[in-house]
C-alpha atoms as a PDB file:
ATOM      1  CA  MET A   1      11.307  83.104  53.614  1.00  0.00           C
ATOM      2  CA  SER A   2      12.610  86.262  54.920  1.00  0.00           C
ATOM      3  CA  TRP A   3      11.639  85.273  58.530  1.00  0.00           C
ATOM      4  CA  LEU A   4      13.984  82.084  58.126  1.00  0.00           C
ATOM      5  CA  LYS A   5      17.091  84.154  57.958  1.00  0.00           C
ATOM      6  CA  LYS A   6      16.341  86.529  60.641  1.00  0.00           C
ATOM      7  CA  ASN A   7      16.331  83.209  63.134  1.00  0.00           C
ATOM      8  CA  PRO A   8      19.712  81.041  64.118  1.00  0.00           C
ATOM      9  CA  ARG A   9      20.923  78.916  61.802  1.00  0.00           C
ATOM     10  CA  TRP A  10      19.464  75.910  64.432  1.00  0.00           C
ATOM     11  CA  LYS A  11      16.040  77.229  63.967  1.00  0.00           C
ATOM     12  CA  ARG A  12      16.153  77.664  59.894  1.00  0.00           C
ATOM     13  CA  TRP A  13      17.158  74.220  59.935  1.00  0.00           C
ATOM     14  CA  THR A  14      14.628  72.618  62.239  1.00  0.00           C
ATOM     15  CA  ALA A  15      11.859  74.576  59.960  1.00  0.00           C
ATOM     16  CA  LYS A  16      13.606  72.999  56.846  1.00  0.00           C
ATOM     17  CA  THR A  17      13.564  69.510  58.357  1.00  0.00           C
ATOM     18  CA  LEU A  18       9.931  69.941  59.411  1.00  0.00           C
ATOM     19  CA  ALA A  19       8.798  71.670  55.924  1.00  0.00           C
ATOM     20  CA  PHE A  20      10.355  68.921  53.937  1.00  0.00           C
ATOM     21  CA  CYS A  21       9.100  65.775  55.883  1.00  0.00           C
ATOM     22  CA  GLY A  22       5.636  67.080  55.997  1.00  0.00           C
ATOM     23  CA  LEU A  23       6.032  67.198  52.224  1.00  0.00           C
ATOM     24  CA  ALA A  24       7.742  64.172  51.943  1.00  0.00           C
ATOM     25  CA  PHE A  25       4.834  62.475  54.023  1.00  0.00           C
ATOM     26  CA  VAL A  26       2.116  63.866  52.021  1.00  0.00           C
ATOM     27  CA  ALA A  27       3.476  63.216  48.704  1.00  0.00           C
ATOM     28  CA  LEU A  28       4.409  59.592  49.362  1.00  0.00           C
ATOM     29  CA  ASN A  29       1.117  58.807  51.004  1.00  0.00           C
ATOM     30  CA  PRO A  30      -1.557  61.050  49.765  1.00  0.00           C
ATOM     31  CA  ASN A  31      -4.184  58.629  50.252  1.00  0.00           C
ATOM     32  CA  LEU A  32      -4.681  59.056  54.244  1.00  0.00           C
ATOM     33  CA  LYS A  33      -7.436  56.365  54.337  1.00  0.00           C
ATOM     34  CA  GLN A  34      -5.411  53.897  52.793  1.00  0.00           C
ATOM     35  CA  LEU A  35      -2.221  55.065  55.469  1.00  0.00           C
ATOM     36  CA  GLY A  36      -4.655  54.140  58.433  1.00  0.00           C
ATOM     37  CA  ARG A  37      -5.450  51.029  56.796  1.00  0.00           C
ATOM     38  CA  GLN A  38      -1.565  50.284  56.585  1.00  0.00           C
ATOM     39  CA  VAL A  39      -1.079  51.320  60.350  1.00  0.00           C
ATOM     40  CA  ARG A  40      -3.662  48.678  61.455  1.00  0.00           C
ATOM     41  CA  HIS A  41      -2.376  46.034  59.069  1.00  0.00           C
ATOM     42  CA  ILE A  42       1.027  46.022  60.224  1.00  0.00           C
ATOM     43  CA  PHE A  43       0.178  45.169  63.757  1.00  0.00           C
ATOM     44  CA  GLU A  44      -2.492  42.620  62.672  1.00  0.00           C
ATOM     45  CA  PRO A  45      -0.646  40.845  59.616  1.00  0.00           C
ATOM     46  CA  GLU A  46      -2.024  37.550  60.541  1.00  0.00           C
ATOM     47  CA  ALA A  47      -5.987  39.199  59.678  1.00  0.00           C
ATOM     48  CA  LEU A  48      -4.402  39.673  55.903  1.00  0.00           C
ATOM     49  CA  ILE A  49      -4.288  35.779  55.392  1.00  0.00           C
ATOM     50  CA  GLN A  50      -7.277  34.751  54.488  1.00  0.00           C
ATOM     51  CA  THR A  51      -8.676  30.908  53.515  1.00  0.00           C
ATOM     52  CA  ASN A  52     -12.387  31.990  52.690  1.00  0.00           C
ATOM     53  CA  PHE A  53     -12.628  34.544  50.473  1.00  0.00           C
ATOM     54  CA  ALA A  54     -14.480  34.949  46.908  1.00  0.00           C
ATOM     55  CA  GLY A  55     -12.165  33.228  44.210  1.00  0.00           C
ATOM     56  CA  LEU A  56     -10.606  31.052  46.681  1.00  0.00           C
ATOM     57  CA  GLU A  57     -12.486  27.941  45.474  1.00  0.00           C
ATOM     58  CA  ARG A  58     -11.643  28.446  41.721  1.00  0.00           C
ATOM     59  CA  ILE A  59      -8.164  29.134  42.342  1.00  0.00           C
ATOM     60  CA  ASN A  60      -7.797  25.583  44.287  1.00  0.00           C
ATOM     61  CA  ARG A  61      -9.664  23.934  41.414  1.00  0.00           C
ATOM     62  CA  GLN A  62      -7.138  25.511  38.962  1.00  0.00           C
ATOM     63  CA  ILE A  63      -4.160  24.679  41.701  1.00  0.00           C
ATOM     64  CA  ASP A  64      -5.430  20.555  41.702  1.00  0.00           C
ATOM     65  CA  GLN A  65      -5.387  20.669  37.917  1.00  0.00           C
ATOM     66  CA  LEU A  66      -1.873  21.897  37.990  1.00  0.00           C
ATOM     67  CA  VAL A  67      -0.876  19.048  40.431  1.00  0.00           C
ATOM     68  CA  ALA A  68      -2.243  16.642  38.500  1.00  0.00           C
ATOM     69  CA  GLN A  69      -0.392  17.800  35.214  1.00  0.00           C
ATOM     70  CA  SER A  70       3.157  17.668  37.017  1.00  0.00           C
ATOM     71  CA  PRO A  71       3.363  14.470  39.532  1.00  0.00           C
ATOM     72  CA  GLY A  72       6.526  14.693  41.844  1.00  0.00           C
ATOM     73  CA  ARG A  73       6.551  18.289  41.912  1.00  0.00           C
ATOM     74  CA  PRO A  74       6.210  19.883  45.539  1.00  0.00           C
ATOM     75  CA  GLU A  75       2.972  21.350  45.646  1.00  0.00           C
ATOM     76  CA  VAL A  76       4.672  24.715  47.304  1.00  0.00           C
ATOM     77  CA  LYS A  77       6.346  25.187  44.289  1.00  0.00           C
ATOM     78  CA  ILE A  78       3.151  25.031  42.024  1.00  0.00           C
ATOM     79  CA  VAL A  79       1.536  27.313  44.301  1.00  0.00           C
ATOM     80  CA  GLU A  80       4.528  29.373  43.739  1.00  0.00           C
ATOM     81  CA  LYS A  81       4.471  29.330  39.981  1.00  0.00           C
ATOM     82  CA  PHE A  82       0.709  30.235  39.940  1.00  0.00           C
ATOM     83  CA  VAL A  83       1.053  33.431  42.221  1.00  0.00           C
ATOM     84  CA  LEU A  84       3.849  34.620  40.282  1.00  0.00           C
ATOM     85  CA  LYS A  85       2.009  34.106  36.802  1.00  0.00           C
ATOM     86  CA  ARG A  86      -1.616  35.184  38.116  1.00  0.00           C
ATOM     87  CA  ILE A  87      -0.522  38.460  40.058  1.00  0.00           C
ATOM     88  CA  ARG A  88       1.291  40.923  37.954  1.00  0.00           C
ATOM     89  CA  TYR A  89       4.000  42.849  39.470  1.00  0.00           C
ATOM     90  CA  ALA A  90       3.077  46.579  39.980  1.00  0.00           C
ATOM     91  CA  SER A  91       4.397  48.800  42.694  1.00  0.00           C
ATOM     92  CA  ASP A  92       2.024  50.311  45.280  1.00  0.00           C
ATOM     93  CA  TYR A  93       2.584  53.714  44.263  1.00  0.00           C
ATOM     94  CA  LYS A  94       0.626  52.451  41.069  1.00  0.00           C
ATOM     95  CA  THR A  95      -1.925  49.713  42.376  1.00  0.00           C
ATOM     96  CA  TRP A  96      -2.608  51.823  46.084  1.00  0.00           C
ATOM     97  CA  GLY A  97      -1.115  55.509  45.545  1.00  0.00           C
ATOM     98  CA  ASN A  98       0.721  55.337  48.613  1.00  0.00           C
ATOM     99  CA  MET A  99       4.347  54.015  49.289  1.00  0.00           C
ATOM    100  CA  ASP A 100       3.503  50.999  50.945  1.00  0.00           C
ATOM    101  CA  TYR A 101       0.214  49.169  51.561  1.00  0.00           C
ATOM    102  CA  TRP A 102      -0.333  45.590  52.584  1.00  0.00           C
ATOM    103  CA  PRO A 103      -3.352  44.257  50.967  1.00  0.00           C
ATOM    104  CA  THR A 104      -5.478  41.281  52.330  1.00  0.00           C
ATOM    105  CA  ALA A 105      -5.750  38.397  50.002  1.00  0.00           C
ATOM    106  CA  GLU A 106      -9.168  39.405  48.869  1.00  0.00           C
ATOM    107  CA  GLU A 107      -7.678  42.508  47.814  1.00  0.00           C
ATOM    108  CA  VAL A 108      -4.989  41.212  45.906  1.00  0.00           C
ATOM    109  CA  TRP A 109      -7.217  38.229  43.964  1.00  0.00           C
ATOM    110  CA  ARG A 110      -9.420  41.457  42.983  1.00  0.00           C
ATOM    111  CA  THR A 111      -6.487  43.545  41.715  1.00  0.00           C
ATOM    112  CA  GLN A 112      -4.225  40.693  39.960  1.00  0.00           C
ATOM    113  CA  GLU A 113      -1.329  42.977  40.439  1.00  0.00           C
ATOM    114  CA  GLU A 114       0.570  43.666  43.476  1.00  0.00           C
ATOM    115  CA  ASP A 115       4.288  43.704  44.937  1.00  0.00           C
ATOM    116  CA  CYS A 116       6.229  41.279  46.871  1.00  0.00           C
ATOM    117  CA  ASP A 117       3.625  41.546  49.884  1.00  0.00           C
ATOM    118  CA  GLY A 118       0.522  41.054  47.924  1.00  0.00           C
ATOM    119  CA  ARG A 119       2.480  37.599  46.497  1.00  0.00           C
ATOM    120  CA  ALA A 120       3.136  36.707  49.835  1.00  0.00           C
ATOM    121  CA  ILE A 121       0.167  37.161  51.596  1.00  0.00           C
ATOM    122  CA  LEU A 122      -2.146  35.557  48.504  1.00  0.00           C
ATOM    123  CA  ALA A 123       0.307  32.417  48.238  1.00  0.00           C
ATOM    124  CA  ALA A 124       0.007  31.916  52.552  1.00  0.00           C
ATOM    125  CA  SER A 125      -3.426  32.301  52.187  1.00  0.00           C
ATOM    126  CA  ILE A 126      -3.944  29.601  49.208  1.00  0.00           C
ATOM    127  CA  LEU A 127      -0.989  27.045  51.526  1.00  0.00           C
ATOM    128  CA  ARG A 128      -3.400  27.600  54.338  1.00  0.00           C
ATOM    129  CA  SER A 129      -6.499  26.477  52.523  1.00  0.00           C
ATOM    130  CA  ARG A 130      -4.401  23.358  50.917  1.00  0.00           C
ATOM    131  CA  GLY A 131      -3.601  22.098  54.760  1.00  0.00           C
ATOM    132  CA  TYR A 132      -0.852  23.650  55.196  1.00  0.00           C
ATOM    133  CA  GLN A 133      -1.309  25.669  58.426  1.00  0.00           C
ATOM    134  CA  SER A 134       2.312  26.346  58.921  1.00  0.00           C
ATOM    135  CA  ALA A 135       2.354  28.848  56.297  1.00  0.00           C
ATOM    136  CA  ARG A 136       3.165  32.554  57.540  1.00  0.00           C
ATOM    137  CA  LEU A 137       4.891  35.463  56.343  1.00  0.00           C
ATOM    138  CA  ALA A 138       8.608  36.699  56.356  1.00  0.00           C
ATOM    139  CA  ILE A 139       9.841  40.153  55.884  1.00  0.00           C
ATOM    140  CA  SER A 140      13.528  41.849  55.395  1.00  0.00           C
ATOM    141  CA  LEU A 141      13.464  45.331  55.006  1.00  0.00           C
ATOM    142  CA  ASP A 142      12.187  45.927  51.783  1.00  0.00           C
ATOM    143  CA  HIS A 143      10.599  42.255  50.769  1.00  0.00           C
ATOM    144  CA  MET A 144       8.154  40.038  52.052  1.00  0.00           C
ATOM    145  CA  TRP A 145       7.833  36.171  51.140  1.00  0.00           C
ATOM    146  CA  ALA A 146       6.241  33.068  52.724  1.00  0.00           C
ATOM    147  CA  GLN A 147       7.583  30.290  54.842  1.00  0.00           C
ATOM    148  CA  VAL A 148       5.983  27.174  55.090  1.00  0.00           C
ATOM    149  CA  ASN A 149       6.566  23.266  56.160  1.00  0.00           C
ATOM    150  CA  ALA A 150       6.698  21.641  52.780  1.00  0.00           C
ATOM    151  CA  ARG A 151       6.434  18.263  54.433  1.00  0.00           C
ATOM    152  CA  GLU A 152       3.408  19.408  56.640  1.00  0.00           C
ATOM    153  CA  LYS A 153       1.158  16.737  54.855  1.00  0.00           C
ATOM    154  CA  GLN A 154       3.632  14.027  55.339  1.00  0.00           C
ATOM    155  CA  PRO A 155       3.989  13.723  59.220  1.00  0.00           C
ATOM    156  CA  ASN A 156       6.295  10.704  59.269  1.00  0.00           C
ATOM    157  CA  LEU A 157       9.006  12.995  57.593  1.00  0.00           C
ATOM    158  CA  PRO A 158      11.037  15.604  59.169  1.00  0.00           C
ATOM    159  CA  GLU A 159       9.997  19.317  58.707  1.00  0.00           C
ATOM    160  CA  LYS A 160      11.504  20.847  55.654  1.00  0.00           C
ATOM    161  CA  LEU A 161      10.854  24.486  56.091  1.00  0.00           C
ATOM    162  CA  THR A 162      10.735  26.069  52.273  1.00  0.00           C
ATOM    163  CA  SER A 163      11.007  29.911  51.611  1.00  0.00           C
ATOM    164  CA  ILE A 164       9.001  30.822  48.246  1.00  0.00           C
ATOM    165  CA  LEU A 165       8.731  34.164  46.441  1.00  0.00           C
ATOM    166  CA  ARG A 166      12.452  34.629  46.237  1.00  0.00           C
ATOM    167  CA  PRO A 167      13.222  35.091  49.713  1.00  0.00           C
ATOM    168  CA  ASP A 168      16.082  37.599  50.878  1.00  0.00           C
ATOM    169  CA  SER A 169      19.032  35.909  52.236  1.00  0.00           C
ATOM    170  CA  ARG A 170      20.859  38.845  53.848  1.00  0.00           C
ATOM    171  CA  PHE A 171      18.032  39.271  56.663  1.00  0.00           C
ATOM    172  CA  SER A 172      14.721  37.856  57.499  1.00  0.00           C
ATOM    173  CA  ALA A 173      11.982  38.203  60.443  1.00  0.00           C
ATOM    174  CA  SER A 174       8.852  35.848  60.612  1.00  0.00           C
ATOM    175  CA  LEU A 175       5.813  38.370  61.198  1.00  0.00           C
ATOM    176  CA  GLN A 176       4.136  37.244  64.299  1.00  0.00           C
ATOM    177  CA  PRO A 177       0.341  37.601  64.896  1.00  0.00           C
ATOM    178  CA  LYS A 178       0.773  40.494  67.029  1.00  0.00           C
ATOM    179  CA  PRO A 179       4.276  42.121  66.278  1.00  0.00           C
ATOM    180  CA  THR A 180       5.964  43.225  69.610  1.00  0.00           C
ATOM    181  CA  ALA A 181       8.418  46.354  70.420  1.00  0.00           C
ATOM    182  CA  SER A 182      11.395  44.027  70.189  1.00  0.00           C
ATOM    183  CA  HIS A 183      10.317  42.691  66.514  1.00  0.00           C
ATOM    184  CA  PHE A 184      10.627  46.562  65.600  1.00  0.00           C
ATOM    185  CA  ALA A 185      13.885  47.088  67.589  1.00  0.00           C
ATOM    186  CA  ARG A 186      15.497  44.027  65.531  1.00  0.00           C
ATOM    187  CA  LEU A 187      14.426  45.374  62.134  1.00  0.00           C
ATOM    188  CA  ALA A 188      15.389  48.800  63.191  1.00  0.00           C
ATOM    189  CA  LYS A 189      18.970  47.583  64.162  1.00  0.00           C
ATOM    190  CA  ALA A 190      19.470  45.633  61.124  1.00  0.00           C
ATOM    191  CA  PHE A 191      18.238  48.810  58.995  1.00  0.00           C
ATOM    192  CA  LEU A 192      21.230  50.856  60.539  1.00  0.00           C
ATOM    193  CA  ARG A 193      23.998  48.446  59.334  1.00  0.00           C
ATOM    194  CA  PRO A 194      25.725  50.596  56.820  1.00  0.00           C
ATOM    195  CA  THR A 195      24.981  48.025  53.535  1.00  0.00           C
ATOM    196  CA  ALA A 196      21.888  47.487  54.948  1.00  0.00           C
ATOM    197  CA  PHE A 197      20.987  51.048  55.536  1.00  0.00           C
ATOM    198  CA  ARG A 198      22.459  52.152  51.758  1.00  0.00           C
ATOM    199  CA  ASP A 199      20.776  49.176  49.702  1.00  0.00           C
ATOM    200  CA  THR A 200      17.330  49.326  51.317  1.00  0.00           C
ATOM    201  CA  SER A 201      17.787  53.647  50.900  1.00  0.00           C
ATOM    202  CA  ALA A 202      18.447  53.262  47.667  1.00  0.00           C
ATOM    203  CA  ASN A 203      15.839  50.574  46.671  1.00  0.00           C
ATOM    204  CA  LEU A 204      12.956  53.051  48.530  1.00  0.00           C
ATOM    205  CA  ILE A 205      13.853  56.033  46.655  1.00  0.00           C
ATOM    206  CA  ALA A 206      14.475  54.191  43.140  1.00  0.00           C
ATOM    207  CA  ALA A 207      10.811  53.000  43.737  1.00  0.00           C
ATOM    208  CA  ILE A 208       9.229  56.219  43.894  1.00  0.00           C
ATOM    209  CA  PRO A 209       7.314  57.493  40.654  1.00  0.00           C
ATOM    210  CA  PHE A 210       9.209  59.970  38.961  1.00  0.00           C
ATOM    211  CA  ALA A 211       6.891  62.979  39.281  1.00  0.00           C
ATOM    212  CA  ARG A 212       7.047  62.773  42.831  1.00  0.00           C
ATOM    213  CA  LYS A 213      10.714  62.355  42.948  1.00  0.00           C
ATOM    214  CA  ALA A 214      11.315  65.433  40.973  1.00  0.00           C
ATOM    215  CA  ILE A 215       9.009  67.321  43.137  1.00  0.00           C
ATOM    216  CA  LEU A 216      10.520  65.988  46.583  1.00  0.00           C
ATOM    217  CA  LEU A 217      14.261  66.410  45.031  1.00  0.00           C
ATOM    218  CA  SER A 218      13.338  70.290  44.041  1.00  0.00           C
ATOM    219  CA  ALA A 219      12.110  71.034  47.463  1.00  0.00           C
ATOM    220  CA  LEU A 220      14.871  69.234  48.867  1.00  0.00           C
ATOM    221  CA  LEU A 221      17.693  71.582  47.206  1.00  0.00           C
ATOM    222  CA  LEU A 222      16.036  74.563  47.452  1.00  0.00           C
ATOM    223  CA  LEU A 223      15.744  74.290  51.238  1.00  0.00           C
ATOM    224  CA  CYS A 224      19.013  73.542  51.320  1.00  0.00           C
ATOM    225  CA  TYR A 225      19.983  76.354  49.105  1.00  0.00           C
ATOM    226  CA  HIS A 226      18.127  78.895  51.183  1.00  0.00           C
ATOM    227  CA  PRO A 227      19.076  81.731  52.010  1.00  0.00           C
ATOM    228  CA  CYS A 228      22.180  81.996  49.290  1.00  0.00           C
ATOM    229  CA  ARG A 229      21.053  84.458  46.589  1.00  0.00           C
ATOM    230  CA  SER A 230      23.463  83.564  43.791  1.00  0.00           C
ATOM    231  CA  ARG A 231      21.865  83.047  40.501  1.00  0.00           C
ATOM    232  CA  LYS A 232      24.734  81.571  39.220  1.00  0.00           C
ATOM    233  CA  GLY A 233      24.602  79.197  42.050  1.00  0.00           C
ATOM    234  CA  LEU A 234      20.961  78.569  41.457  1.00  0.00           C
ATOM    235  CA  PHE A 235      21.709  77.712  37.672  1.00  0.00           C
ATOM    236  CA  VAL A 236      24.511  74.983  38.421  1.00  0.00           C
ATOM    237  CA  LEU A 237      22.287  73.366  41.146  1.00  0.00           C
ATOM    238  CA  LEU A 238      19.221  72.960  38.574  1.00  0.00           C
ATOM    239  CA  CYS A 239      21.556  72.037  36.216  1.00  0.00           C
ATOM    240  CA  LEU A 240      22.602  69.062  38.618  1.00  0.00           C
ATOM    241  CA  GLU A 241      19.018  68.399  39.437  1.00  0.00           C
ATOM    242  CA  VAL A 242      18.437  67.815  35.640  1.00  0.00           C
ATOM    243  CA  VAL A 243      21.008  65.716  34.834  1.00  0.00           C
ATOM    244  CA  ALA A 244      20.186  63.782  37.956  1.00  0.00           C
ATOM    245  CA  LEU A 245      16.125  63.330  37.097  1.00  0.00           C
ATOM    246  CA  SER A 246      17.103  62.486  33.596  1.00  0.00           C
ATOM    247  CA  PHE A 247      19.280  59.285  35.116  1.00  0.00           C
ATOM    248  CA  PHE A 248      16.428  58.346  37.483  1.00  0.00           C
ATOM    249  CA  ALA A 249      14.384  58.470  34.347  1.00  0.00           C
ATOM    250  CA  VAL A 250      16.542  56.271  32.225  1.00  0.00           C
ATOM    251  CA  SER A 251      16.567  53.906  35.336  1.00  0.00           C
ATOM    252  CA  ASP A 252      12.889  54.106  35.839  1.00  0.00           C
ATOM    253  CA  ALA A 253      12.279  53.113  32.157  1.00  0.00           C
ATOM    254  CA  ARG A 254      14.431  50.430  32.354  1.00  0.00           C
ATOM    255  CA  GLY A 255      12.796  49.192  35.400  1.00  0.00           C
ATOM    256  CA  ILE A 256      15.010  50.405  38.054  1.00  0.00           C
ATOM    257  CA  ASP A 257      18.497  49.978  36.454  1.00  0.00           C
ATOM    258  CA  PRO A 258      21.110  49.989  39.150  1.00  0.00           C
ATOM    259  CA  THR A 259      24.067  51.739  37.083  1.00  0.00           C
ATOM    260  CA  HIS A 260      21.624  54.842  36.230  1.00  0.00           C
ATOM    261  CA  ALA A 261      20.134  55.048  39.644  1.00  0.00           C
ATOM    262  CA  ASN A 262      23.649  55.164  41.292  1.00  0.00           C
ATOM    263  CA  ILE A 263      24.833  57.775  38.865  1.00  0.00           C
ATOM    264  CA  GLY A 264      21.590  59.937  39.589  1.00  0.00           C
ATOM    265  CA  ALA A 265      21.747  59.506  43.268  1.00  0.00           C
ATOM    266  CA  THR A 266      25.702  60.382  43.365  1.00  0.00           C
ATOM    267  CA  LEU A 267      24.799  63.652  41.353  1.00  0.00           C
ATOM    268  CA  VAL A 268      21.738  64.718  44.002  1.00  0.00           C
ATOM    269  CA  VAL A 269      24.668  64.159  46.890  1.00  0.00           C
ATOM    270  CA  LEU A 270      26.818  66.658  44.692  1.00  0.00           C
ATOM    271  CA  ALA A 271      23.900  68.568  44.091  1.00  0.00           C
ATOM    272  CA  ILE A 272      23.023  68.909  48.214  1.00  0.00           C
ATOM    273  CA  LEU A 273      26.476  69.613  48.858  1.00  0.00           C
ATOM    274  CA  TRP A 274      26.677  72.640  46.245  1.00  0.00           C
ATOM    275  CA  SER A 275      23.346  73.939  47.776  1.00  0.00           C
ATOM    276  CA  LEU A 276      25.035  73.963  51.338  1.00  0.00           C
ATOM    277  CA  PHE A 277      28.273  75.515  49.937  1.00  0.00           C
ATOM    278  CA  ALA A 278      27.171  77.596  47.430  1.00  0.00           C
ATOM    279  CA  ASN A 279      27.093  80.712  49.327  1.00  0.00           C
ATOM    280  CA  ARG A 280      30.367  80.253  50.578  1.00  0.00           C
ATOM    281  CA  LEU A 281      31.837  79.765  46.948  1.00  0.00           C
ATOM    282  CA  LEU A 282      30.026  82.364  44.988  1.00  0.00           C
ATOM    283  CA  PRO A 283      29.169  86.130  45.655  1.00  0.00           C
ATOM    284  CA  SER A 284      25.521  86.858  46.056  1.00  0.00           C
ATOM    285  CA  ALA A 285      23.742  89.561  44.075  1.00  0.00           C
ATOM    286  CA  SER A 286      21.293  91.287  46.549  1.00  0.00           C
ATOM    287  CA  PHE A 287      17.610  90.764  44.670  1.00  0.00           C
ATOM    288  CA  PRO A 288      16.045  93.725  46.549  1.00  0.00           C
ATOM    289  CA  LEU A 289      18.888  96.007  45.016  1.00  0.00           C
ATOM    290  CA  LEU A 290      18.492  94.725  41.518  1.00  0.00           C
ATOM    291  CA  LEU A 291      14.937  95.377  41.745  1.00  0.00           C
ATOM    292  CA  SER A 292      15.319  98.741  43.387  1.00  0.00           C
ATOM    293  CA  GLY A 293      14.139 101.698  41.207  1.00  0.00           C
ATOM    294  CA  ARG A 294      17.249 103.636  42.246  1.00  0.00           C
ATOM    295  CA  ALA A 295      19.688 103.491  39.326  1.00  0.00           C
ATOM    296  CA  ALA A 296      23.346 103.708  41.129  1.00  0.00           C
ATOM    297  CA  PRO A 297      22.567 101.317  43.746  1.00  0.00           C
ATOM    298  CA  ARG A 298      21.265  98.933  41.217  1.00  0.00           C
ATOM    299  CA  LYS A 299      23.867  99.502  38.637  1.00  0.00           C
ATOM    300  CA  ALA A 300      26.543  98.396  41.725  1.00  0.00           C
ATOM    301  CA  ALA A 301      24.783  95.416  42.536  1.00  0.00           C
ATOM    302  CA  LEU A 302      24.338  94.190  38.738  1.00  0.00           C
ATOM    303  CA  ARG A 303      28.029  94.775  38.447  1.00  0.00           C
ATOM    304  CA  ALA A 304      28.892  92.747  41.583  1.00  0.00           C
ATOM    305  CA  TYR A 305      26.751  90.000  40.569  1.00  0.00           C
ATOM    306  CA  LEU A 306      28.398  90.011  36.993  1.00  0.00           C
ATOM    307  CA  ARG A 307      32.108  89.924  38.193  1.00  0.00           C
END
């Protein structure tokens, strides 16, 4: 990276930012074909709701039995319980390999495991197949669920909009068949609120698999640390990183434990601050001199480093 040091600071940081963004993009979305499908699904969410996929007839027979066994219980709630029970929760990293993917209802039923978006898509598909044409998808900054008029089959009663699959009370937006620029602008505005930015960012980071998290954190800290050459500073930086990753590992093992995740995030912030200011706080040893074949300059550099 010697060529970086020769350039102005703004050029160095521009190059570092682009390098890290490129690495993060590949690390979080290694399956580019799946990423392309996700982009199409974002702009055509209505196509994800299917009412004629293989297996839907068997699903409705099972729900009919549950409805018969639970007289008086709202059908919408029975569908919600069925989806939660039959579709195991699994992150998109595990199921699809990428950061995020909105599957079709048929894909959800085939894999039998999904996160919030897959469950919501399947629930909306089932409800529509059972006559609830008002069923639609709703999203917040990091969650998806289904909304439906629970009294749609009772036209003599006033509408009762019901949200299922753990809706987010802080912010919600119904997914339109063709999202517009104003729709995305509303999401961006909500994301930029301080508390929303903090909570959403923490959830997204916590969901990253440990190995990818370690790669991204190492790259970020080393890019911030360059061009400092102090071995002492590098040792402190690596210690902070190892401790932070240890807390993240415990958090992941406990199903994203907020306490350990927050401690890990705090240590990451400290590590970033250390990497940025270590060059000013510690004397740096010249690696070329330490590796030089001349004894006098090498000894002088070593004494400067050990002081």
